[in-house]
C-alpha atoms as a PDB file:
ATOM      1  CA  MET A   1       4.682   2.887  15.118  1.00  0.00           C
ATOM      2  CA  GLU A   2       1.091   2.196  14.087  1.00  0.00           C
ATOM      3  CA  ALA A   3      -1.023   4.873  12.416  1.00  0.00           C
ATOM      4  CA  SER A   4      -3.525   4.826  15.295  1.00  0.00           C
ATOM      5  CA  LYS A   5      -0.755   5.667  17.781  1.00  0.00           C
ATOM      6  CA  LEU A   6       0.555   8.422  15.507  1.00  0.00           C
ATOM      7  CA  LEU A   7      -2.923   9.906  15.176  1.00  0.00           C
ATOM      8  CA  GLU A   8      -3.335   9.818  18.937  1.00  0.00           C
ATOM      9  CA  LYS A   9       0.022  11.566  19.279  1.00  0.00           C
ATOM     10  CA  ALA A  10      -1.040  14.133  16.647  1.00  0.00           C
ATOM     11  CA  ARG A  11      -3.637  15.497  19.057  1.00  0.00           C
ATOM     12  CA  SER A  12      -0.816  17.108  21.040  1.00  0.00           C
ATOM     13  CA  LEU A  13       0.688  18.898  18.026  1.00  0.00           C
ATOM     14  CA  SER A  14       0.566  22.678  17.741  1.00  0.00           C
ATOM     15  CA  PRO A  15      -1.710  24.176  15.062  1.00  0.00           C
ATOM     16  CA  GLU A  16       1.366  24.962  12.932  1.00  0.00           C
ATOM     17  CA  GLU A  17       2.653  21.387  13.231  1.00  0.00           C
ATOM     18  CA  ARG A  18      -0.766  20.063  12.265  1.00  0.00           C
ATOM     19  CA  ARG A  19      -0.790  22.317   9.175  1.00  0.00           C
ATOM     20  CA  VAL A  20       2.588  20.939   8.100  1.00  0.00           C
ATOM     21  CA  LEU A  21       1.445  17.359   8.685  1.00  0.00           C
ATOM     22  CA  ALA A  22      -1.744  18.035   6.698  1.00  0.00           C
ATOM     23  CA  TYR A  23       0.409  19.450   3.875  1.00  0.00           C
ATOM     24  CA  PHE A  24       2.321  16.161   3.742  1.00  0.00           C
ATOM     25  CA  ALA A  25      -0.924  14.165   3.955  1.00  0.00           C
ATOM     26  CA  GLU A  26      -1.997  16.008   0.802  1.00  0.00           C
ATOM     27  CA  ASN A  27       1.355  15.724  -0.990  1.00  0.00           C
ATOM     28  CA  ILE A  28       2.860  12.475   0.489  1.00  0.00           C
ATOM     29  CA  SER A  29       6.434  13.093  -0.771  1.00  0.00           C
ATOM     30  CA  VAL A  30       7.938  16.513  -1.479  1.00  0.00           C
ATOM     31  CA  GLY A  31      11.422  17.744  -2.335  1.00  0.00           C
ATOM     32  CA  GLU A  32      13.028  19.749   0.454  1.00  0.00           C
ATOM     33  CA  LEU A  33      13.262  23.042  -1.459  1.00  0.00           C
ATOM     34  CA  ARG A  34       9.702  22.835  -2.726  1.00  0.00           C
ATOM     35  CA  ALA A  35       8.333  21.928   0.720  1.00  0.00           C
ATOM     36  CA  VAL A  36      10.093  24.887   2.340  1.00  0.00           C
ATOM     37  CA  LYS A  37       8.871  27.287  -0.339  1.00  0.00           C
ATOM     38  CA  GLU A  38       5.255  26.072  -0.243  1.00  0.00           C
ATOM     39  CA  LEU A  39       5.090  25.905   3.556  1.00  0.00           C
ATOM     40  CA  ARG A  40       6.400  29.469   3.825  1.00  0.00           C
ATOM     41  CA  TYR A  41       3.761  30.502   1.307  1.00  0.00           C
ATOM     42  CA  ILE A  42       1.008  29.092   3.548  1.00  0.00           C
ATOM     43  CA  GLY A  43       2.396  30.925   6.570  1.00  0.00           C
ATOM     44  CA  ILE A  44       4.757  28.489   8.292  1.00  0.00           C
ATOM     45  CA  SER A  45       7.540  30.717   9.622  1.00  0.00           C
ATOM     46  CA  ASN A  46      10.292  28.089  10.037  1.00  0.00           C
ATOM     47  CA  PRO A  47       9.361  25.068   7.897  1.00  0.00           C
ATOM     48  CA  ILE A  48      12.618  23.142   8.356  1.00  0.00           C
ATOM     49  CA  GLN A  49      12.383  23.324  12.137  1.00  0.00           C
ATOM     50  CA  VAL A  50       8.789  22.036  12.112  1.00  0.00           C
ATOM     51  CA  ILE A  51       9.593  19.324   9.552  1.00  0.00           C
ATOM     52  CA  ARG A  52      12.580  18.086  11.565  1.00  0.00           C
ATOM     53  CA  LYS A  53      10.449  17.955  14.712  1.00  0.00           C
ATOM     54  CA  LEU A  54       7.801  15.900  12.868  1.00  0.00           C
ATOM     55  CA  VAL A  55      10.540  13.579  11.545  1.00  0.00           C
ATOM     56  CA  GLY A  56      11.793  13.111  15.096  1.00  0.00           C
ATOM     57  CA  MET A  57       8.286  12.302  16.298  1.00  0.00           C
ATOM     58  CA  GLY A  58       7.776   9.683  13.554  1.00  0.00           C
ATOM     59  CA  PHE A  59       5.173  11.540  11.456  1.00  0.00           C
ATOM     60  CA  LEU A  60       7.518  12.188   8.530  1.00  0.00           C
ATOM     61  CA  GLU A  61      10.536  10.443   7.024  1.00  0.00           C
ATOM     62  CA  GLU A  62      13.579  12.101   5.517  1.00  0.00           C
ATOM     63  CA  GLY A  63      14.791  10.837   2.167  1.00  0.00           C
ATOM     64  CA  GLU A  64      17.483  12.145  -0.156  1.00  0.00           C
ATOM     65  CA  GLU A  65      16.620  15.841  -0.464  1.00  0.00           C
ATOM     66  CA  CYS A  66      12.966  15.092   0.207  1.00  0.00           C
ATOM     67  CA  PHE A  67      10.513  14.452   2.994  1.00  0.00           C
ATOM     68  CA  ASN A  68       7.755  11.831   3.008  1.00  0.00           C
ATOM     69  CA  LEU A  69       4.709  11.102   5.065  1.00  0.00           C
ATOM     70  CA  ALA A  70       5.620   8.202   7.377  1.00  0.00           C
ATOM     71  CA  LYS A  71       4.814   4.731   6.055  1.00  0.00           C
ATOM     72  CA  PRO A  72       2.097   3.930   8.649  1.00  0.00           C
ATOM     73  CA  LEU A  73       0.240   7.098   7.638  1.00  0.00           C
ATOM     74  CA  ARG A  74       0.664   6.298   3.939  1.00  0.00           C
ATOM     75  CA  LEU A  75      -0.856   2.865   4.604  1.00  0.00           C
ATOM     76  CA  TYR A  76      -3.691   4.512   6.552  1.00  0.00           C
ATOM     77  CA  ILE A  77      -4.426   6.692   3.506  1.00  0.00           C
ATOM     78  CA  SER A  78      -4.349   3.725   1.131  1.00  0.00           C
ATOM     79  CA  ARG A  79      -6.783   1.752   3.310  1.00  0.00           C
ATOM     80  CA  ARG A  80      -9.111   4.454   4.611  1.00  0.00           C
ATOM     81  CA  GLY A  81      -8.599   7.455   2.381  1.00  0.00           C
ATOM     82  CA  LYS A  82      -6.889  10.794   2.637  1.00  0.00           C
ATOM     83  CA  HIS A  83     -10.064  12.554   3.740  1.00  0.00           C
ATOM     84  CA  LEU A  84     -10.216  10.505   6.965  1.00  0.00           C
ATOM     85  CA  LEU A  85      -6.610  11.312   7.838  1.00  0.00           C
ATOM     86  CA  LEU A  86      -7.181  15.014   7.226  1.00  0.00           C
ATOM     87  CA  GLN A  87     -10.359  14.839   9.301  1.00  0.00           C
ATOM     88  CA  GLU A  88      -8.372  13.307  12.185  1.00  0.00           C
ATOM     89  CA  LEU A  89      -5.799  16.100  11.947  1.00  0.00           C
ATOM     90  CA  ARG A  90      -8.479  18.776  12.155  1.00  0.00           C
ATOM     91  CA  ARG A  91      -9.921  17.449  15.437  1.00  0.00           C
END
């Protein structure tokens, strides 16, 4: 799925889901244990549930004991910059 379609789809995310997606926009690839710990620290009550939902929607990818921002969004960051992606998520 293209980044533009993902960003359009992101408009329907809950505030908590947007916070998790913004976390991955900042960190790109994070080990599962670290992601859970840091997301709980910033107030996400059930990080794994939110992460799995975002994986299912195509925003994140699951690796071996880690989660990554989906490739189209990584390409968007490399071409346009992280600040523009984060700005889109805050709309």
